[in-house]
């Protein structure tokens, strides 16, 4: 049981002890083993207060920078390697800012279209600009949509 808790494999223990792998597996999965593990965990948890006190002493009195770094890393203040890689893959702030500006402009446009539709008004200049780039205003939904592909180019007018 101690060898298994120490990290040895069932196969390795079987070889060292001259026992069948199934026998070792039965022992390490037994109720007795579960009680053994539970007792060790209780001992470990009992050390929690001591560990906290030692950590506080190392940080407050010894000013242990490495320990402070490890603590901050493990509680998530310092990003993990995977998180740092993800941050580096994010688009540059100015590209992200451009996308945000585009989204804000789009939201404003949809709001203006919805208001015009509510008052029975049209936006002829915007309709003309949209037609040039292959879009149209759907006044029922208040959204800008692409022109229908089955519509002939000469028939592509916003009504």
N, C-alpha and C. Protein backbone atom coordinates (compact mmCIF):
# COMPACT_ATOMS: atom_id res chain seq x y z
N UNK A 1 0.83 -1.19 0.00
CA UNK A 1 0.00 0.00 0.00
C UNK A 1 0.87 1.25 0.00
N UNK A 2 1.96 1.23 0.79
CA UNK A 2 2.84 2.39 0.85
C UNK A 2 3.52 2.63 -0.50
N UNK A 3 3.90 1.55 -1.18
CA UNK A 3 4.53 1.70 -2.48
C UNK A 3 3.55 2.31 -3.49
N UNK A 4 2.30 1.89 -3.43
CA UNK A 4 1.30 2.42 -4.36
C UNK A 4 1.06 3.90 -4.09
N UNK A 5 0.95 4.26 -2.81
CA UNK A 5 0.76 5.67 -2.44
C UNK A 5 1.98 6.49 -2.84
N UNK A 6 3.17 5.85 -2.80
CA UNK A 6 4.40 6.55 -3.18
C UNK A 6 4.51 6.73 -4.69
N UNK A 7 3.58 6.15 -5.46
CA UNK A 7 3.55 6.39 -6.89
C UNK A 7 3.99 5.22 -7.75
N UNK A 8 4.30 4.08 -7.15
CA UNK A 8 4.69 2.92 -7.96
C UNK A 8 3.45 2.32 -8.61
N UNK A 9 3.65 1.74 -9.78
CA UNK A 9 2.53 1.12 -10.50
C UNK A 9 2.25 -0.27 -9.95
N UNK A 10 1.05 -0.76 -10.23
CA UNK A 10 0.64 -2.11 -9.81
C UNK A 10 1.61 -3.14 -10.38
N UNK A 11 1.98 -2.98 -11.63
CA UNK A 11 2.89 -3.92 -12.28
C UNK A 11 4.27 -3.90 -11.62
N UNK A 12 4.76 -2.72 -11.32
CA UNK A 12 6.08 -2.57 -10.69
C UNK A 12 6.07 -3.19 -9.29
N UNK A 13 5.01 -2.94 -8.53
CA UNK A 13 4.91 -3.51 -7.18
C UNK A 13 4.85 -5.04 -7.26
N UNK A 14 4.07 -5.54 -8.21
CA UNK A 14 3.97 -7.00 -8.38
C UNK A 14 5.32 -7.63 -8.65
N UNK A 15 6.12 -7.03 -9.50
CA UNK A 15 7.46 -7.55 -9.80
C UNK A 15 8.36 -7.54 -8.57
N UNK A 16 8.37 -6.38 -7.85
CA UNK A 16 9.23 -6.25 -6.68
C UNK A 16 8.84 -7.20 -5.56
N UNK A 17 7.54 -7.40 -5.37
CA UNK A 17 7.05 -8.23 -4.27
C UNK A 17 6.87 -9.70 -4.67
N UNK A 18 7.06 -10.00 -5.95
CA UNK A 18 6.88 -11.38 -6.41
C UNK A 18 5.43 -11.82 -6.34
N UNK A 19 4.52 -10.89 -6.61
CA UNK A 19 3.08 -11.18 -6.55
C UNK A 19 2.46 -10.95 -7.92
N UNK A 20 1.33 -11.59 -8.13
CA UNK A 20 0.57 -11.44 -9.37
C UNK A 20 -0.01 -10.03 -9.44
N UNK A 21 -0.07 -9.49 -10.64
CA UNK A 21 -0.58 -8.13 -10.84
C UNK A 21 -2.02 -7.99 -10.33
N UNK A 22 -2.85 -9.02 -10.53
CA UNK A 22 -4.25 -8.98 -10.08
C UNK A 22 -4.33 -8.93 -8.56
N UNK A 23 -3.42 -9.65 -7.89
CA UNK A 23 -3.40 -9.65 -6.42
C UNK A 23 -3.06 -8.26 -5.91
N UNK A 24 -2.04 -7.66 -6.50
CA UNK A 24 -1.64 -6.30 -6.09
C UNK A 24 -2.79 -5.33 -6.36
N UNK A 25 -3.43 -5.44 -7.50
CA UNK A 25 -4.55 -4.56 -7.85
C UNK A 25 -5.68 -4.72 -6.84
N UNK A 26 -5.99 -5.94 -6.43
CA UNK A 26 -7.05 -6.19 -5.45
C UNK A 26 -6.69 -5.51 -4.12
N UNK A 27 -5.41 -5.58 -3.74
CA UNK A 27 -4.97 -4.98 -2.48
C UNK A 27 -5.09 -3.45 -2.54
N UNK A 28 -4.60 -2.85 -3.62
CA UNK A 28 -4.59 -1.38 -3.69
C UNK A 28 -5.99 -0.79 -3.90
N UNK A 29 -6.95 -1.63 -4.30
CA UNK A 29 -8.32 -1.14 -4.46
C UNK A 29 -9.23 -1.62 -3.33
N UNK A 30 -8.67 -2.19 -2.28
CA UNK A 30 -9.46 -2.74 -1.17
C UNK A 30 -9.95 -1.65 -0.23
N UNK A 31 -10.90 -2.04 0.65
CA UNK A 31 -11.40 -1.11 1.68
C UNK A 31 -10.27 -0.71 2.62
N UNK A 32 -9.38 -1.66 2.92
CA UNK A 32 -8.25 -1.37 3.80
C UNK A 32 -7.39 -0.26 3.21
N UNK A 33 -7.18 -0.32 1.89
CA UNK A 33 -6.39 0.71 1.21
C UNK A 33 -7.10 2.05 1.27
N UNK A 34 -8.42 2.04 1.10
CA UNK A 34 -9.20 3.28 1.16
C UNK A 34 -9.08 3.91 2.55
N UNK A 35 -9.09 3.10 3.59
CA UNK A 35 -8.91 3.60 4.96
C UNK A 35 -7.50 4.15 5.15
N UNK A 36 -6.51 3.47 4.57
CA UNK A 36 -5.12 3.91 4.64
C UNK A 36 -4.97 5.29 4.00
N UNK A 37 -5.55 5.44 2.82
CA UNK A 37 -5.49 6.72 2.10
C UNK A 37 -6.22 7.79 2.89
N UNK A 38 -7.38 7.46 3.43
CA UNK A 38 -8.15 8.43 4.21
C UNK A 38 -7.34 8.91 5.43
N UNK A 39 -6.65 7.98 6.10
CA UNK A 39 -5.83 8.35 7.27
C UNK A 39 -4.68 9.27 6.85
N UNK A 40 -4.06 9.01 5.72
CA UNK A 40 -2.96 9.86 5.24
C UNK A 40 -3.49 11.25 4.86
N UNK A 41 -4.67 11.28 4.28
CA UNK A 41 -5.26 12.57 3.92
C UNK A 41 -5.57 13.39 5.18
N UNK A 42 -6.07 12.73 6.21
CA UNK A 42 -6.34 13.43 7.46
C UNK A 42 -5.05 14.02 8.03
N UNK A 43 -3.98 13.26 7.94
CA UNK A 43 -2.69 13.78 8.40
C UNK A 43 -2.28 15.00 7.58
N UNK A 44 -2.46 14.89 6.27
CA UNK A 44 -2.10 15.98 5.38
C UNK A 44 -2.94 17.22 5.66
N UNK A 45 -4.24 17.04 5.78
CA UNK A 45 -5.11 18.18 6.06
C UNK A 45 -4.80 18.80 7.42
N UNK A 46 -4.37 17.96 8.35
CA UNK A 46 -3.98 18.46 9.66
C UNK A 46 -2.79 19.39 9.61
N UNK A 47 -1.99 19.28 8.57
CA UNK A 47 -0.82 20.14 8.41
C UNK A 47 -1.17 21.47 7.75
N UNK A 48 -2.41 21.63 7.35
CA UNK A 48 -2.82 22.85 6.65
C UNK A 48 -2.53 24.12 7.42
N UNK A 49 -2.86 24.14 8.72
CA UNK A 49 -2.60 25.34 9.53
C UNK A 49 -1.10 25.63 9.61
N UNK A 50 -0.29 24.56 9.77
CA UNK A 50 1.16 24.74 9.83
C UNK A 50 1.68 25.28 8.50
N UNK A 51 1.14 24.76 7.40
CA UNK A 51 1.58 25.19 6.08
C UNK A 51 1.26 26.66 5.85
N UNK A 52 0.09 27.07 6.28
CA UNK A 52 -0.31 28.48 6.12
C UNK A 52 0.60 29.37 6.97
N UNK A 53 0.88 28.93 8.19
CA UNK A 53 1.76 29.72 9.06
C UNK A 53 3.16 29.83 8.46
N UNK A 54 3.66 28.72 7.90
CA UNK A 54 5.00 28.74 7.28
C UNK A 54 5.00 29.65 6.05
N UNK A 55 3.93 29.60 5.29
CA UNK A 55 3.81 30.44 4.11
C UNK A 55 3.78 31.92 4.52
N UNK A 56 2.99 32.24 5.53
CA UNK A 56 2.93 33.62 6.00
C UNK A 56 4.30 34.09 6.50
N UNK A 57 5.00 33.23 7.22
CA UNK A 57 6.32 33.59 7.72
C UNK A 57 7.30 33.84 6.56
N UNK A 58 7.29 32.92 5.57
CA UNK A 58 8.20 33.05 4.43
C UNK A 58 7.92 34.32 3.64
N UNK A 59 6.66 34.68 3.52
CA UNK A 59 6.31 35.88 2.76
C UNK A 59 6.52 37.16 3.57
N UNK A 60 6.08 37.16 4.81
CA UNK A 60 6.15 38.37 5.64
C UNK A 60 7.54 38.64 6.20
N UNK A 61 8.20 37.61 6.69
CA UNK A 61 9.48 37.80 7.37
C UNK A 61 10.68 37.64 6.44
N UNK A 62 10.63 36.62 5.59
CA UNK A 62 11.78 36.33 4.72
C UNK A 62 11.68 37.01 3.36
N UNK A 63 10.50 37.56 3.07
CA UNK A 63 10.28 38.25 1.79
C UNK A 63 10.69 37.37 0.61
N UNK A 64 10.22 36.11 0.62
CA UNK A 64 10.57 35.12 -0.40
C UNK A 64 9.82 35.41 -1.70
N UNK A 65 10.50 36.04 -2.65
CA UNK A 65 9.88 36.42 -3.92
C UNK A 65 9.46 35.23 -4.76
N UNK A 66 10.26 34.17 -4.77
CA UNK A 66 9.91 32.98 -5.56
C UNK A 66 8.62 32.34 -5.03
N UNK A 67 8.54 32.26 -3.73
CA UNK A 67 7.33 31.69 -3.12
C UNK A 67 6.12 32.56 -3.44
N UNK A 68 6.30 33.86 -3.36
CA UNK A 68 5.20 34.78 -3.68
C UNK A 68 4.75 34.59 -5.13
N UNK A 69 5.73 34.46 -6.04
CA UNK A 69 5.40 34.25 -7.45
C UNK A 69 4.62 32.95 -7.63
N UNK A 70 5.10 31.87 -7.02
CA UNK A 70 4.42 30.57 -7.15
C UNK A 70 3.00 30.64 -6.59
N UNK A 71 2.83 31.30 -5.46
CA UNK A 71 1.51 31.44 -4.87
C UNK A 71 0.58 32.21 -5.81
N UNK A 72 1.06 33.32 -6.34
CA UNK A 72 0.24 34.12 -7.27
C UNK A 72 -0.08 33.34 -8.54
N UNK A 73 0.87 32.54 -9.00
CA UNK A 73 0.64 31.71 -10.19
C UNK A 73 -0.44 30.68 -9.92
N UNK A 74 -0.36 30.01 -8.78
CA UNK A 74 -1.31 28.94 -8.47
C UNK A 74 -2.71 29.43 -8.13
N UNK A 75 -2.83 30.65 -7.64
CA UNK A 75 -4.18 31.15 -7.36
C UNK A 75 -4.77 31.89 -8.56
N UNK A 76 -4.00 31.97 -9.66
CA UNK A 76 -4.54 32.50 -10.91
C UNK A 76 -4.31 33.97 -11.17
N UNK A 77 -3.57 34.66 -10.31
CA UNK A 77 -3.30 36.08 -10.55
C UNK A 77 -2.34 36.23 -11.72
N UNK A 78 -1.33 35.39 -11.78
CA UNK A 78 -0.39 35.38 -12.90
C UNK A 78 -0.90 34.36 -13.90
N UNK A 79 -1.07 34.73 -15.16
CA UNK A 79 -1.62 33.78 -16.14
C UNK A 79 -0.68 32.59 -16.36
N UNK A 80 -1.29 31.43 -16.59
CA UNK A 80 -0.52 30.21 -16.88
C UNK A 80 0.10 30.33 -18.27
N UNK A 81 0.98 29.39 -18.61
CA UNK A 81 1.60 29.40 -19.94
C UNK A 81 0.53 29.38 -21.04
N UNK A 82 -0.47 28.55 -20.86
CA UNK A 82 -1.56 28.44 -21.86
C UNK A 82 -2.31 29.76 -21.98
N UNK A 83 -2.60 30.40 -20.84
CA UNK A 83 -3.31 31.68 -20.87
C UNK A 83 -2.46 32.77 -21.51
N UNK A 84 -1.14 32.76 -21.23
CA UNK A 84 -0.25 33.76 -21.85
C UNK A 84 -0.22 33.57 -23.36
N UNK A 85 -0.17 32.32 -23.83
CA UNK A 85 -0.18 32.07 -25.28
C UNK A 85 -1.47 32.59 -25.90
N UNK A 86 -2.59 32.36 -25.23
CA UNK A 86 -3.87 32.84 -25.74
C UNK A 86 -3.89 34.37 -25.81
N UNK A 87 -3.31 35.02 -24.80
CA UNK A 87 -3.25 36.48 -24.81
C UNK A 87 -2.40 37.00 -25.97
N UNK A 88 -1.32 36.29 -26.27
CA UNK A 88 -0.45 36.71 -27.36
C UNK A 88 -1.09 36.51 -28.72
N UNK A 89 -2.01 35.57 -28.82
CA UNK A 89 -2.69 35.31 -30.09
C UNK A 89 -3.84 36.26 -30.35
N UNK A 90 -4.29 37.01 -29.33
CA UNK A 90 -5.39 37.95 -29.50
C UNK A 90 -4.99 39.02 -30.50
N UNK A 91 -5.95 39.53 -31.27
CA UNK A 91 -5.61 40.59 -32.23
C UNK A 91 -5.05 41.81 -31.53
N UNK A 92 -4.26 42.56 -32.26
CA UNK A 92 -3.67 43.78 -31.72
C UNK A 92 -4.78 44.72 -31.26
N UNK A 93 -4.54 45.49 -30.20
CA UNK A 93 -5.59 46.36 -29.67
C UNK A 93 -6.19 47.28 -30.71
N UNK A 94 -5.38 47.81 -31.66
CA UNK A 94 -5.97 48.73 -32.64
C UNK A 94 -6.92 47.99 -33.58
N UNK A 95 -6.61 46.71 -33.94
CA UNK A 95 -7.54 45.94 -34.76
C UNK A 95 -8.81 45.65 -33.97
N UNK A 96 -8.64 45.30 -32.71
CA UNK A 96 -9.78 45.03 -31.86
C UNK A 96 -10.61 46.30 -31.69
N UNK A 97 -9.93 47.43 -31.59
CA UNK A 97 -10.63 48.70 -31.44
C UNK A 97 -11.41 49.03 -32.71
N UNK A 98 -10.81 48.74 -33.86
CA UNK A 98 -11.53 48.98 -35.13
C UNK A 98 -12.80 48.15 -35.20
N UNK A 99 -12.70 46.89 -34.78
CA UNK A 99 -13.87 46.02 -34.80
C UNK A 99 -14.95 46.55 -33.85
N UNK A 100 -14.52 47.06 -32.71
CA UNK A 100 -15.48 47.62 -31.76
C UNK A 100 -16.16 48.85 -32.35
N UNK A 101 -15.38 49.70 -33.03
CA UNK A 101 -15.95 50.89 -33.66
C UNK A 101 -16.94 50.48 -34.75
N UNK A 102 -16.58 49.48 -35.55
CA UNK A 102 -17.50 49.00 -36.59
C UNK A 102 -18.80 48.49 -35.98
N UNK A 103 -18.69 47.77 -34.87
CA UNK A 103 -19.88 47.24 -34.22
C UNK A 103 -20.75 48.37 -33.68
N UNK A 104 -20.14 49.38 -33.09
CA UNK A 104 -20.89 50.51 -32.57
C UNK A 104 -21.59 51.24 -33.71
N UNK A 105 -20.87 51.44 -34.83
CA UNK A 105 -21.47 52.13 -35.99
C UNK A 105 -22.64 51.31 -36.54
N UNK A 106 -22.46 50.01 -36.59
CA UNK A 106 -23.52 49.14 -37.08
C UNK A 106 -24.75 49.22 -36.18
N UNK A 107 -24.52 49.22 -34.87
CA UNK A 107 -25.63 49.31 -33.92
C UNK A 107 -26.36 50.65 -34.07
N UNK A 108 -25.59 51.73 -34.23
CA UNK A 108 -26.21 53.05 -34.42
C UNK A 108 -27.04 53.07 -35.71
N UNK A 109 -26.49 52.50 -36.76
CA UNK A 109 -27.19 52.48 -38.05
C UNK A 109 -28.51 51.71 -37.93
N UNK A 110 -28.44 50.55 -37.26
CA UNK A 110 -29.66 49.77 -37.11
C UNK A 110 -30.70 50.53 -36.29
N UNK A 111 -30.23 51.29 -35.28
CA UNK A 111 -31.15 52.11 -34.49
C UNK A 111 -31.81 53.19 -35.35
N UNK A 112 -31.01 53.84 -36.20
CA UNK A 112 -31.55 54.88 -37.09
C UNK A 112 -32.55 54.29 -38.07
N UNK A 113 -32.22 53.12 -38.62
CA UNK A 113 -33.13 52.46 -39.56
C UNK A 113 -34.44 52.11 -38.86
N UNK A 114 -34.36 51.60 -37.67
CA UNK A 114 -35.58 51.22 -36.93
C UNK A 114 -36.45 52.45 -36.65
N UNK A 115 -35.80 53.58 -36.30
CA UNK A 115 -36.58 54.80 -36.04
C UNK A 115 -37.26 55.29 -37.33
N UNK A 116 -36.49 55.27 -38.44
CA UNK A 116 -37.07 55.71 -39.71
C UNK A 116 -38.25 54.82 -40.10
N UNK A 117 -38.08 53.52 -39.91
CA UNK A 117 -39.16 52.59 -40.25
C UNK A 117 -40.39 52.86 -39.38
N UNK A 118 -40.17 53.16 -38.10
CA UNK A 118 -41.29 53.42 -37.19
C UNK A 118 -42.07 54.65 -37.60
N UNK A 119 -41.39 55.65 -38.19
CA UNK A 119 -42.05 56.89 -38.61
C UNK A 119 -42.38 56.90 -40.10
N UNK A 120 -42.18 55.75 -40.77
CA UNK A 120 -42.51 55.66 -42.18
C UNK A 120 -41.57 56.45 -43.07
N UNK A 121 -40.36 56.68 -42.63
CA UNK A 121 -39.39 57.44 -43.41
C UNK A 121 -38.40 56.50 -44.06
N UNK A 122 -37.71 56.98 -45.07
CA UNK A 122 -36.69 56.21 -45.76
C UNK A 122 -35.36 56.95 -45.67
N UNK A 123 -34.28 56.25 -45.96
CA UNK A 123 -32.93 56.83 -45.96
C UNK A 123 -32.33 56.67 -47.35
N UNK A 124 -32.72 57.53 -48.31
CA UNK A 124 -32.31 57.33 -49.70
C UNK A 124 -30.80 57.38 -49.92
N UNK A 125 -30.08 58.28 -49.23
CA UNK A 125 -28.63 58.34 -49.44
C UNK A 125 -27.97 57.05 -48.99
N UNK A 126 -28.38 56.56 -47.83
CA UNK A 126 -27.79 55.32 -47.30
C UNK A 126 -28.20 54.14 -48.17
N UNK A 127 -29.44 54.15 -48.63
CA UNK A 127 -29.89 53.07 -49.52
C UNK A 127 -29.01 53.02 -50.78
N UNK A 128 -28.69 54.20 -51.34
CA UNK A 128 -27.83 54.27 -52.53
C UNK A 128 -26.43 53.76 -52.25
N UNK A 129 -25.86 54.16 -51.11
CA UNK A 129 -24.52 53.68 -50.75
C UNK A 129 -24.51 52.18 -50.54
N UNK A 130 -25.54 51.67 -49.87
CA UNK A 130 -25.61 50.23 -49.63
C UNK A 130 -25.75 49.46 -50.94
N UNK A 131 -26.53 50.02 -51.87
CA UNK A 131 -26.73 49.35 -53.15
C UNK A 131 -25.40 49.20 -53.88
N UNK A 132 -24.52 50.20 -53.77
CA UNK A 132 -23.20 50.15 -54.42
C UNK A 132 -22.34 49.01 -53.87
N UNK A 133 -22.50 48.70 -52.58
CA UNK A 133 -21.67 47.65 -51.98
C UNK A 133 -22.42 46.33 -51.83
N UNK A 134 -23.60 46.24 -52.42
CA UNK A 134 -24.32 44.98 -52.44
C UNK A 134 -25.21 44.74 -51.23
N UNK A 135 -25.71 45.82 -50.63
CA UNK A 135 -26.58 45.66 -49.47
C UNK A 135 -27.87 46.42 -49.63
N UNK A 136 -28.78 46.16 -48.73
CA UNK A 136 -30.06 46.88 -48.74
C UNK A 136 -30.58 46.96 -47.31
N UNK A 137 -31.51 47.87 -47.10
CA UNK A 137 -32.13 48.03 -45.79
C UNK A 137 -33.43 47.25 -45.78
N UNK A 138 -33.59 46.42 -44.77
CA UNK A 138 -34.87 45.74 -44.55
C UNK A 138 -35.59 46.53 -43.47
N UNK A 139 -36.54 47.37 -43.88
CA UNK A 139 -37.20 48.24 -42.94
C UNK A 139 -38.12 47.49 -41.98
N UNK A 140 -38.50 46.27 -42.32
CA UNK A 140 -39.33 45.49 -41.42
C UNK A 140 -38.54 45.02 -40.21
N UNK A 141 -37.30 44.59 -40.43
CA UNK A 141 -36.48 44.09 -39.32
C UNK A 141 -35.55 45.15 -38.76
N UNK A 142 -35.34 46.24 -39.53
CA UNK A 142 -34.41 47.28 -39.09
C UNK A 142 -32.96 46.87 -39.27
N UNK A 143 -32.71 45.91 -40.15
CA UNK A 143 -31.35 45.39 -40.36
C UNK A 143 -30.89 45.68 -41.79
N UNK A 144 -29.57 45.70 -41.95
CA UNK A 144 -28.98 45.81 -43.27
C UNK A 144 -28.72 44.39 -43.75
N UNK A 145 -29.17 44.09 -44.97
CA UNK A 145 -29.03 42.74 -45.50
C UNK A 145 -28.37 42.80 -46.87
N UNK A 146 -27.76 41.68 -47.29
CA UNK A 146 -27.22 41.65 -48.65
C UNK A 146 -28.36 41.61 -49.67
N UNK A 147 -28.08 42.12 -50.86
CA UNK A 147 -29.06 42.05 -51.94
C UNK A 147 -29.32 40.59 -52.27
N UNK A 148 -30.56 40.28 -52.64
CA UNK A 148 -30.88 38.90 -53.04
C UNK A 148 -30.09 38.55 -54.28
N UNK A 149 -29.51 37.37 -54.29
CA UNK A 149 -28.69 36.97 -55.43
C UNK A 149 -29.53 36.64 -56.65
N UNK A 150 -30.78 36.21 -56.43
CA UNK A 150 -31.60 35.90 -57.60
C UNK A 150 -32.21 37.14 -58.24
N UNK A 151 -32.13 38.29 -57.56
CA UNK A 151 -32.62 39.54 -58.13
C UNK A 151 -31.65 40.02 -59.19
N UNK A 152 -32.16 40.44 -60.30
CA UNK A 152 -31.32 40.95 -61.38
C UNK A 152 -30.70 42.29 -60.92
N UNK A 153 -29.44 42.56 -61.33
CA UNK A 153 -28.80 43.81 -60.91
C UNK A 153 -29.63 45.05 -61.16
N UNK A 154 -30.35 45.11 -62.34
CA UNK A 154 -31.13 46.31 -62.64
C UNK A 154 -32.37 46.43 -61.75
N UNK A 155 -32.80 45.30 -61.15
CA UNK A 155 -33.97 45.32 -60.28
C UNK A 155 -33.58 45.55 -58.83
N UNK A 156 -32.30 45.69 -58.53
CA UNK A 156 -31.84 45.78 -57.14
C UNK A 156 -32.05 47.20 -56.60
N UNK A 157 -33.28 47.48 -56.18
CA UNK A 157 -33.60 48.75 -55.57
C UNK A 157 -34.29 48.50 -54.26
N UNK A 158 -34.01 49.34 -53.33
CA UNK A 158 -34.68 49.24 -52.04
C UNK A 158 -36.00 49.95 -52.16
N UNK A 159 -37.03 49.29 -51.75
CA UNK A 159 -38.37 49.89 -51.87
C UNK A 159 -38.86 50.39 -50.55
